[in-house]
Amino acid sequence: MRDGIHPNYREVLFHDVSNDFKFITRSTINTRDKIEFEGKEYPLVKIEVSAESHPFYTGKHKIVDTAGRVDKFRKKFGTVGSKTAISNQ
């Protein structure tokens, strides 16, 4: 491989902010934040959904609503055409 043309491939800590789950993997993503985890400093990437919080992997239906869009939609359309059960968690 030629020098200077490839991105920096290093260990990065991903933090799922919905359930405070953290995991380390290798990535080329650029970040500004850093965090100390298990005695070592890592670049930090904050994410809203990971395998620990995604309904496909957890089996739980959970609505992530950051701007009130779900409530606005329900006020406008109600439950017409809804095929999923709603849980309040």
C-alpha atoms as a PDB file:
ATOM      1  CA  MET A   1       0.000   0.000   0.000  1.00  0.00           C
ATOM      2  CA  ARG A   2       1.179   3.509  -0.753  1.00  0.00           C
ATOM      3  CA  ASP A   3       1.801   5.905   2.124  1.00  0.00           C
ATOM      4  CA  GLY A   4      -0.414   8.953   2.612  1.00  0.00           C
ATOM      5  CA  ILE A   5      -3.484   7.895   0.594  1.00  0.00           C
ATOM      6  CA  HIS A   6      -5.328   5.679   3.088  1.00  0.00           C
ATOM      7  CA  PRO A   7      -7.447   6.895   6.032  1.00  0.00           C
ATOM      8  CA  ASN A   8      -6.299   6.279   9.603  1.00  0.00           C
ATOM      9  CA  TYR A   9      -7.704   2.858  10.643  1.00  0.00           C
ATOM     10  CA  ARG A  10      -7.792   2.693  14.444  1.00  0.00           C
ATOM     11  CA  GLU A  11      -9.794   1.533  17.459  1.00  0.00           C
ATOM     12  CA  VAL A  12     -12.855   3.705  18.138  1.00  0.00           C
ATOM     13  CA  LEU A  13     -15.363   3.612  21.016  1.00  0.00           C
ATOM     14  CA  PHE A  14     -19.029   3.756  19.960  1.00  0.00           C
ATOM     15  CA  HIS A  15     -21.487   4.880  22.656  1.00  0.00           C
ATOM     16  CA  ASP A  16     -25.189   4.025  22.272  1.00  0.00           C
ATOM     17  CA  VAL A  17     -26.763   6.961  24.124  1.00  0.00           C
ATOM     18  CA  SER A  18     -30.232   5.359  24.314  1.00  0.00           C
ATOM     19  CA  ASN A  19     -29.099   2.677  26.791  1.00  0.00           C
ATOM     20  CA  ASP A  20     -25.515   3.684  27.748  1.00  0.00           C
ATOM     21  CA  PHE A  21     -23.955   0.703  25.929  1.00  0.00           C
ATOM     22  CA  LYS A  22     -20.338   1.118  24.800  1.00  0.00           C
ATOM     23  CA  PHE A  23     -18.296  -1.027  22.443  1.00  0.00           C
ATOM     24  CA  ILE A  24     -14.908  -0.781  20.755  1.00  0.00           C
ATOM     25  CA  THR A  25     -14.292  -1.585  17.121  1.00  0.00           C
ATOM     26  CA  ARG A  26     -11.891  -0.468  14.430  1.00  0.00           C
ATOM     27  CA  SER A  27     -12.969   2.317  12.098  1.00  0.00           C
ATOM     28  CA  THR A  28     -11.751   5.161   9.878  1.00  0.00           C
ATOM     29  CA  ILE A  29     -14.464   7.591  11.068  1.00  0.00           C
ATOM     30  CA  ASN A  30     -13.292  11.100  11.959  1.00  0.00           C
ATOM     31  CA  THR A  31     -14.263  12.342  15.432  1.00  0.00           C
ATOM     32  CA  ARG A  32     -13.556  15.355  17.598  1.00  0.00           C
ATOM     33  CA  ASP A  33     -14.418  13.766  20.946  1.00  0.00           C
ATOM     34  CA  LYS A  34     -12.209  11.463  22.991  1.00  0.00           C
ATOM     35  CA  ILE A  35     -13.014   9.355  26.059  1.00  0.00           C
ATOM     36  CA  GLU A  36     -11.067   7.215  28.488  1.00  0.00           C
ATOM     37  CA  PHE A  37     -12.405   3.662  28.684  1.00  0.00           C
ATOM     38  CA  GLU A  38     -10.800   0.807  30.625  1.00  0.00           C
ATOM     39  CA  GLY A  39      -7.611   2.815  31.147  1.00  0.00           C
ATOM     40  CA  LYS A  40      -7.070   3.774  27.503  1.00  0.00           C
ATOM     41  CA  GLU A  41      -8.119   6.847  25.515  1.00  0.00           C
ATOM     42  CA  TYR A  42     -10.261   6.289  22.399  1.00  0.00           C
ATOM     43  CA  PRO A  43     -11.931   8.519  19.815  1.00  0.00           C
ATOM     44  CA  LEU A  44     -15.671   8.688  20.685  1.00  0.00           C
ATOM     45  CA  VAL A  45     -18.667   8.310  18.353  1.00  0.00           C
ATOM     46  CA  LYS A  46     -22.153   8.794  19.844  1.00  0.00           C
ATOM     47  CA  ILE A  47     -24.954   6.822  18.186  1.00  0.00           C
ATOM     48  CA  GLU A  48     -28.693   6.574  18.890  1.00  0.00           C
ATOM     49  CA  VAL A  49     -29.260   2.939  17.893  1.00  0.00           C
ATOM     50  CA  SER A  50     -27.039  -0.136  18.106  1.00  0.00           C
ATOM     51  CA  ALA A  51     -27.628  -3.880  18.284  1.00  0.00           C
ATOM     52  CA  GLU A  52     -28.278  -3.475  22.041  1.00  0.00           C
ATOM     53  CA  SER A  53     -31.212  -1.102  21.476  1.00  0.00           C
ATOM     54  CA  HIS A  54     -32.524  -1.955  17.979  1.00  0.00           C
ATOM     55  CA  PRO A  55     -35.973  -3.637  18.016  1.00  0.00           C
ATOM     56  CA  PHE A  56     -34.875  -6.311  15.522  1.00  0.00           C
ATOM     57  CA  TYR A  57     -32.228  -7.613  17.927  1.00  0.00           C
ATOM     58  CA  THR A  58     -34.016  -6.938  21.239  1.00  0.00           C
ATOM     59  CA  GLY A  59     -37.504  -8.077  20.210  1.00  0.00           C
ATOM     60  CA  LYS A  60     -39.034  -4.948  21.758  1.00  0.00           C
ATOM     61  CA  HIS A  61     -40.781  -2.211  19.810  1.00  0.00           C
ATOM     62  CA  LYS A  62     -39.381   1.111  20.981  1.00  0.00           C
ATOM     63  CA  ILE A  63     -40.028   4.467  19.363  1.00  0.00           C
ATOM     64  CA  VAL A  64     -37.114   6.906  19.310  1.00  0.00           C
ATOM     65  CA  ASP A  65     -38.669  10.339  18.913  1.00  0.00           C
ATOM     66  CA  THR A  66     -36.384  13.339  19.143  1.00  0.00           C
ATOM     67  CA  ALA A  67     -38.582  16.048  17.662  1.00  0.00           C
ATOM     68  CA  GLY A  68     -42.187  15.034  18.460  1.00  0.00           C
ATOM     69  CA  ARG A  69     -42.746  13.713  14.948  1.00  0.00           C
ATOM     70  CA  VAL A  70     -44.443  10.523  16.113  1.00  0.00           C
ATOM     71  CA  ASP A  71     -46.978  12.419  18.261  1.00  0.00           C
ATOM     72  CA  LYS A  72     -47.663  14.855  15.431  1.00  0.00           C
ATOM     73  CA  PHE A  73     -48.281  11.945  13.043  1.00  0.00           C
ATOM     74  CA  ARG A  74     -50.598  10.176  15.521  1.00  0.00           C
ATOM     75  CA  LYS A  75     -52.621  13.368  16.088  1.00  0.00           C
ATOM     76  CA  LYS A  76     -53.053  13.766  12.348  1.00  0.00           C
ATOM     77  CA  PHE A  77     -53.777  10.149  11.391  1.00  0.00           C
ATOM     78  CA  GLY A  78     -54.589   8.318  14.647  1.00  0.00           C
ATOM     79  CA  THR A  79     -54.004   4.574  14.517  1.00  0.00           C
ATOM     80  CA  VAL A  80     -55.310   4.087  10.976  1.00  0.00           C
ATOM     81  CA  GLY A  81     -53.178   1.508   9.198  1.00  0.00           C
ATOM     82  CA  SER A  82     -50.963   0.791  12.203  1.00  0.00           C
ATOM     83  CA  LYS A  83     -49.638  -2.765  12.086  1.00  0.00           C
ATOM     84  CA  THR A  84     -47.399  -2.644  15.159  1.00  0.00           C
ATOM     85  CA  ALA A  85     -48.231  -2.755  18.828  1.00  0.00           C
ATOM     86  CA  ILE A  86     -47.120   0.274  20.774  1.00  0.00           C
ATOM     87  CA  SER A  87     -45.351  -0.089  24.115  1.00  0.00           C
ATOM     88  CA  ASN A  88     -44.707   2.845  26.411  1.00  0.00           C
ATOM     89  CA  GLN A  89     -41.110   2.442  27.542  1.00  0.00           C
END
